[in-house]
């Protein structure tokens, strides 16, 4: 295992959690009710940044980082040069010409399109499934504003729990199904990256469930409105799961060091 990479993970997690909680509490506390669309959009951007770090960590563990990242960097540089050199009106035709004349760039663009389509499909499916589970557990669906809040909470929880896995694992026409089952159903993680996928996801789901407990209590507080406590509970559970993944990695390092000595 690369000790430098895992040490960097310890420093990245607090930044990741700080950004997540700043996004959540800005919407929850400054407006009285969760501005979940903004919270969800912010969470998506933060999760994409964090997932890119996990991707590079995973590639480094698999010893394929240099070739992949160097080639990808060259393709990005070439595409940025085309965008910077062309007027806006001529940009579509210039990009189309560049794709025709440079097959590796066209192949990378096609892979990016397929990856985006697959990631959107996975997260949409999981968000709909999460919405259904919430409704079965008693989440409100009437009036329509409550259904919108329930759907937005499900989307937020999906991004918080499964967005990194949707990027790193993908679906690959069902060939990754066994990995999804192994990690999230059987909790059998083969690497520290997989632990970093499982623990925060489990913490977020459990935290959202615990967050529903104060809602029916007769306290008449503004923060008891649906789904404020579930949003806060999910973010706190995600934080607990993230720190648990760090503790798991630390204990594994201590165990491996003791075994080697």
Protein backbone atom coordinates (compact mmCIF):
# COMPACT_ATOMS: atom_id res chain seq x y z
CA UNK A 1 0.00 0.00 0.00
CA UNK A 2 1.22 3.55 -0.77
CA UNK A 3 1.62 5.18 2.65
CA UNK A 4 1.86 8.64 1.03
CA UNK A 5 -1.49 8.18 -0.71
CA UNK A 6 -3.26 6.97 2.40
CA UNK A 7 -1.72 9.77 4.49
CA UNK A 8 -3.05 12.24 1.94
CA UNK A 9 -6.47 10.62 2.33
CA UNK A 10 -6.36 11.50 6.04
CA UNK A 11 -5.88 15.16 5.13
CA UNK A 12 -8.41 15.22 2.28
CA UNK A 13 -11.31 13.80 4.33
CA UNK A 14 -11.62 16.78 6.75
CA UNK A 15 -11.65 19.21 3.80
CA UNK A 16 -14.28 17.08 2.07
CA UNK A 17 -16.46 16.99 5.18
CA UNK A 18 -16.05 20.72 5.82
CA UNK A 19 -17.28 21.51 2.31
CA UNK A 20 -20.21 19.09 2.63
CA UNK A 21 -21.33 20.55 5.97
CA UNK A 22 -20.89 24.14 4.80
CA UNK A 23 -23.17 23.34 1.87
CA UNK A 24 -25.75 21.60 4.06
CA UNK A 25 -25.91 24.13 6.89
CA UNK A 26 -25.95 27.15 4.62
CA UNK A 27 -29.22 25.90 3.15
CA UNK A 28 -30.62 24.55 6.42
CA UNK A 29 -29.87 27.34 8.87
CA UNK A 30 -29.73 30.53 6.84
CA UNK A 31 -33.13 30.09 5.20
CA UNK A 32 -35.12 28.29 7.89
CA UNK A 33 -35.94 25.38 5.59
CA UNK A 34 -33.47 23.40 3.49
CA UNK A 35 -32.72 24.89 0.12
CA UNK A 36 -32.25 21.36 -1.13
CA UNK A 37 -31.72 22.16 -4.78
CA UNK A 38 -28.70 24.29 -3.92
CA UNK A 39 -27.56 21.77 -1.32
CA UNK A 40 -27.84 18.94 -3.84
CA UNK A 41 -25.98 20.86 -6.55
CA UNK A 42 -23.20 21.77 -4.11
CA UNK A 43 -22.98 18.18 -2.89
CA UNK A 44 -22.69 16.95 -6.48
CA UNK A 45 -19.72 19.22 -7.20
CA UNK A 46 -17.98 18.33 -3.94
CA UNK A 47 -18.53 14.61 -4.48
CA UNK A 48 -17.13 14.82 -8.02
CA UNK A 49 -13.98 16.47 -6.66
CA UNK A 50 -13.62 13.86 -3.91
CA UNK A 51 -14.32 11.02 -6.34
CA UNK A 52 -11.57 12.27 -8.64
CA UNK A 53 -9.17 11.99 -5.70
CA UNK A 54 -10.37 8.44 -4.97
CA UNK A 55 -9.98 7.58 -8.66
CA UNK A 56 -6.35 8.73 -8.69
CA UNK A 57 -5.72 6.85 -5.45
CA UNK A 58 -7.24 3.69 -6.92
CA UNK A 59 -5.22 4.05 -10.12
CA UNK A 60 -2.07 4.55 -8.08
CA UNK A 61 -2.77 1.35 -6.13
CA UNK A 62 -3.31 -0.50 -9.41
CA UNK A 63 -0.03 0.87 -10.84
CA UNK A 64 -1.73 2.38 -13.90
CA UNK A 65 -1.73 6.03 -12.88
CA UNK A 66 1.18 7.40 -14.92
CA UNK A 67 0.09 6.15 -18.34
CA UNK A 68 -3.59 6.96 -17.88
CA UNK A 69 -3.15 10.39 -16.33
CA UNK A 70 -0.42 11.49 -18.75
CA UNK A 71 -2.47 10.54 -21.80
CA UNK A 72 -5.61 12.10 -20.33
CA UNK A 73 -3.73 15.30 -19.53
CA UNK A 74 -2.46 15.54 -23.11
CA UNK A 75 -5.95 15.12 -24.52
CA UNK A 76 -7.37 17.74 -22.16
CA UNK A 77 -4.61 20.17 -23.09
CA UNK A 78 -5.30 19.67 -26.80
CA UNK A 79 -9.03 20.23 -26.33
CA UNK A 80 -8.49 23.34 -24.20
CA UNK A 81 -6.18 24.76 -26.88
CA UNK A 82 -8.88 24.33 -29.51
CA UNK A 83 -11.49 26.00 -27.29
CA UNK A 84 -9.19 28.93 -26.47
CA UNK A 85 -8.17 29.54 -30.09
CA UNK A 86 -11.62 29.62 -31.70
CA UNK A 87 -14.34 32.26 -31.62
CA UNK A 88 -17.50 31.12 -29.90
CA UNK A 89 -19.51 30.96 -33.13
CA UNK A 90 -16.97 28.64 -34.77
CA UNK A 91 -16.38 26.47 -31.71
CA UNK A 92 -18.75 23.56 -32.56
CA UNK A 93 -17.30 23.10 -36.05
CA UNK A 94 -13.73 23.44 -34.73
CA UNK A 95 -14.31 20.77 -32.09
CA UNK A 96 -15.95 18.48 -34.66
CA UNK A 97 -12.96 18.93 -36.99
CA UNK A 98 -10.52 18.21 -34.15
CA UNK A 99 -12.40 15.03 -33.24
CA UNK A 100 -12.29 13.81 -36.86
CA UNK A 101 -8.59 14.57 -37.26
CA UNK A 102 -7.47 13.21 -33.88
CA UNK A 103 -8.92 9.71 -33.20
CA UNK A 104 -7.56 9.40 -29.61
CA UNK A 105 -9.40 12.59 -28.66
CA UNK A 106 -12.57 11.28 -30.30
CA UNK A 107 -12.22 7.99 -28.41
CA UNK A 108 -11.71 9.80 -25.11
CA UNK A 109 -14.74 12.02 -25.78
CA UNK A 110 -16.85 8.96 -26.56
CA UNK A 111 -15.72 7.26 -23.33
CA UNK A 112 -16.54 10.45 -21.41
CA UNK A 113 -20.03 10.49 -22.93
CA UNK A 114 -20.63 6.83 -22.08
CA UNK A 115 -19.29 7.35 -18.55
CA UNK A 116 -21.56 10.37 -18.04
CA UNK A 117 -24.60 8.51 -19.33
CA UNK A 118 -23.87 5.51 -17.11
CA UNK A 119 -23.25 7.63 -14.02
CA UNK A 120 -26.46 9.60 -14.53
CA UNK A 121 -28.39 6.35 -15.04
CA UNK A 122 -27.00 4.78 -11.84
CA UNK A 123 -27.68 7.82 -9.67
CA UNK A 124 -31.14 8.39 -11.14
CA UNK A 125 -32.09 4.75 -10.54
CA UNK A 126 -30.77 4.85 -6.98
CA UNK A 127 -32.52 8.17 -6.28
CA UNK A 128 -35.86 6.77 -7.49
CA UNK A 129 -35.34 3.61 -5.42
CA UNK A 130 -34.45 5.71 -2.37
CA UNK A 131 -37.56 7.83 -2.88
CA UNK A 132 -39.70 4.69 -3.00
CA UNK A 133 -38.13 3.34 0.19
CA UNK A 134 -38.68 6.66 1.96
CA UNK A 135 -42.34 6.73 0.92
CA UNK A 136 -42.82 3.16 2.14
CA UNK A 137 -41.29 4.22 5.47
CA UNK A 138 -43.75 7.10 5.78
CA UNK A 139 -42.17 10.06 3.98
CA UNK A 140 -44.82 12.62 2.95
CA UNK A 141 -45.89 12.87 -0.69
CA UNK A 142 -48.81 15.29 -0.39
CA UNK A 143 -49.09 18.13 -1.14
CA UNK A 144 -46.80 18.28 -4.15
CA UNK A 145 -44.31 20.49 -2.28
CA UNK A 146 -43.74 17.67 0.21
CA UNK A 147 -43.20 15.17 -2.60
CA UNK A 148 -40.61 17.55 -4.07
CA UNK A 149 -38.80 17.72 -0.72
CA UNK A 150 -38.88 13.94 -0.38
CA UNK A 151 -37.46 13.52 -3.88
CA UNK A 152 -34.78 16.12 -3.26
CA UNK A 153 -33.79 14.45 0.02
CA UNK A 154 -33.51 11.11 -1.80
CA UNK A 155 -31.32 12.74 -4.45
CA UNK A 156 -29.12 14.36 -1.80
CA UNK A 157 -28.77 11.07 0.07
CA UNK A 158 -27.95 9.20 -3.15
CA UNK A 159 -25.22 11.66 -4.10
CA UNK A 160 -23.80 11.61 -0.58
CA UNK A 161 -23.82 7.80 -0.36
CA UNK A 162 -23.35 6.37 -3.83
CA UNK A 163 -22.04 9.03 -6.24
CA UNK A 164 -18.36 8.05 -5.70
CA UNK A 165 -19.17 4.37 -6.26
CA UNK A 166 -21.17 5.14 -9.39
CA UNK A 167 -18.06 6.76 -10.87
CA UNK A 168 -15.40 4.34 -9.63
CA UNK A 169 -17.35 1.09 -10.07
CA UNK A 170 -19.79 2.02 -12.80
CA UNK A 171 -22.12 -0.64 -14.14
CA UNK A 172 -20.43 -1.78 -17.38
CA UNK A 173 -23.55 -3.54 -18.70
CA UNK A 174 -23.99 -5.44 -15.46
CA UNK A 175 -20.42 -6.71 -15.19
CA UNK A 176 -19.86 -4.63 -12.05
CA UNK A 177 -22.99 -5.99 -10.34
CA UNK A 178 -20.99 -8.45 -8.23
CA UNK A 179 -18.73 -5.67 -6.95
CA UNK A 180 -21.75 -3.58 -5.91
CA UNK A 181 -23.22 -6.57 -4.06
CA UNK A 182 -19.87 -7.47 -2.49
CA UNK A 183 -19.20 -3.97 -1.17
CA UNK A 184 -22.64 -2.65 -0.21
CA UNK A 185 -24.52 -5.86 0.60
CA UNK A 186 -21.89 -8.21 2.01
CA UNK A 187 -19.54 -5.44 3.25
CA UNK A 188 -16.52 -7.30 1.86
CA UNK A 189 -13.98 -4.60 1.01
CA UNK A 190 -10.74 -5.60 -0.71
CA UNK A 191 -8.99 -2.22 -0.54
CA UNK A 192 -8.94 1.01 1.43
CA UNK A 193 -10.65 2.75 -1.48
CA UNK A 194 -13.60 0.37 -1.18
CA UNK A 195 -13.71 1.05 2.58
CA UNK A 196 -13.85 4.76 1.72
CA UNK A 197 -16.89 3.99 -0.45
CA UNK A 198 -18.76 1.76 2.03
CA UNK A 199 -18.36 3.40 5.44
CA UNK A 200 -19.53 6.94 4.52
CA UNK A 201 -22.45 5.52 2.52
CA UNK A 202 -23.60 3.35 5.43
CA UNK A 203 -23.19 6.25 7.85
CA UNK A 204 -25.21 8.61 5.65
CA UNK A 205 -28.12 6.17 5.26
CA UNK A 206 -28.18 5.35 8.97
CA UNK A 207 -27.89 9.03 9.89
CA UNK A 208 -30.81 9.96 7.63
CA UNK A 209 -32.93 7.27 9.30
CA UNK A 210 -32.01 8.52 12.79
CA UNK A 211 -32.67 12.07 11.65
CA UNK A 212 -36.36 11.28 11.19
CA UNK A 213 -36.82 10.55 14.92
CA UNK A 214 -37.31 14.19 16.10
CA UNK A 215 -39.85 15.05 13.38
CA UNK A 216 -43.03 13.67 15.05
CA UNK A 217 -42.11 14.93 18.53
CA UNK A 218 -44.40 17.68 19.85
CA UNK A 219 -41.76 20.37 20.23
CA UNK A 220 -43.05 22.80 17.56
CA UNK A 221 -39.57 23.83 16.48
CA UNK A 222 -38.90 25.20 12.95
CA UNK A 223 -36.03 22.77 12.45
CA UNK A 224 -38.43 19.83 12.85
CA UNK A 225 -39.93 20.57 9.43
CA UNK A 226 -39.44 17.82 6.85
CA UNK A 227 -36.71 17.02 5.89
CA UNK A 228 -34.28 19.25 7.82
CA UNK A 229 -33.33 16.71 10.49
CA UNK A 230 -32.86 13.97 7.89
CA UNK A 231 -30.49 16.17 5.87
CA UNK A 232 -28.48 17.01 8.98
CA UNK A 233 -28.55 13.38 10.14
CA UNK A 234 -27.32 12.16 6.76
CA UNK A 235 -24.43 14.65 6.72
CA UNK A 236 -23.43 13.79 10.30
CA UNK A 237 -23.67 10.05 9.59
CA UNK A 238 -21.55 10.53 6.48
CA UNK A 239 -18.93 12.31 8.60
CA UNK A 240 -18.91 9.51 11.19
CA UNK A 241 -18.53 6.94 8.41
CA UNK A 242 -15.69 8.90 6.84
CA UNK A 243 -13.75 9.07 10.11
CA UNK A 244 -14.51 5.38 10.69
CA UNK A 245 -12.88 4.61 7.34
CA UNK A 246 -9.78 6.51 8.51
CA UNK A 247 -9.69 4.52 11.77
CA UNK A 248 -10.09 1.29 9.79
CA UNK A 249 -7.18 2.25 7.54
CA UNK A 250 -5.04 3.18 10.54
CA UNK A 251 -5.77 -0.11 12.29
CA UNK A 252 -4.96 -2.01 9.10
CA UNK A 253 -1.63 -0.20 8.81
CA UNK A 254 -0.78 -1.00 12.43
CA UNK A 255 -1.73 -4.64 11.93
CA UNK A 256 0.31 -4.96 8.73
CA UNK A 257 3.30 -3.26 10.38
CA UNK A 258 3.10 -5.64 13.34
CA UNK A 259 2.87 -8.65 11.03
CA UNK A 260 5.86 -7.57 8.96
CA UNK A 261 7.99 -6.99 12.05
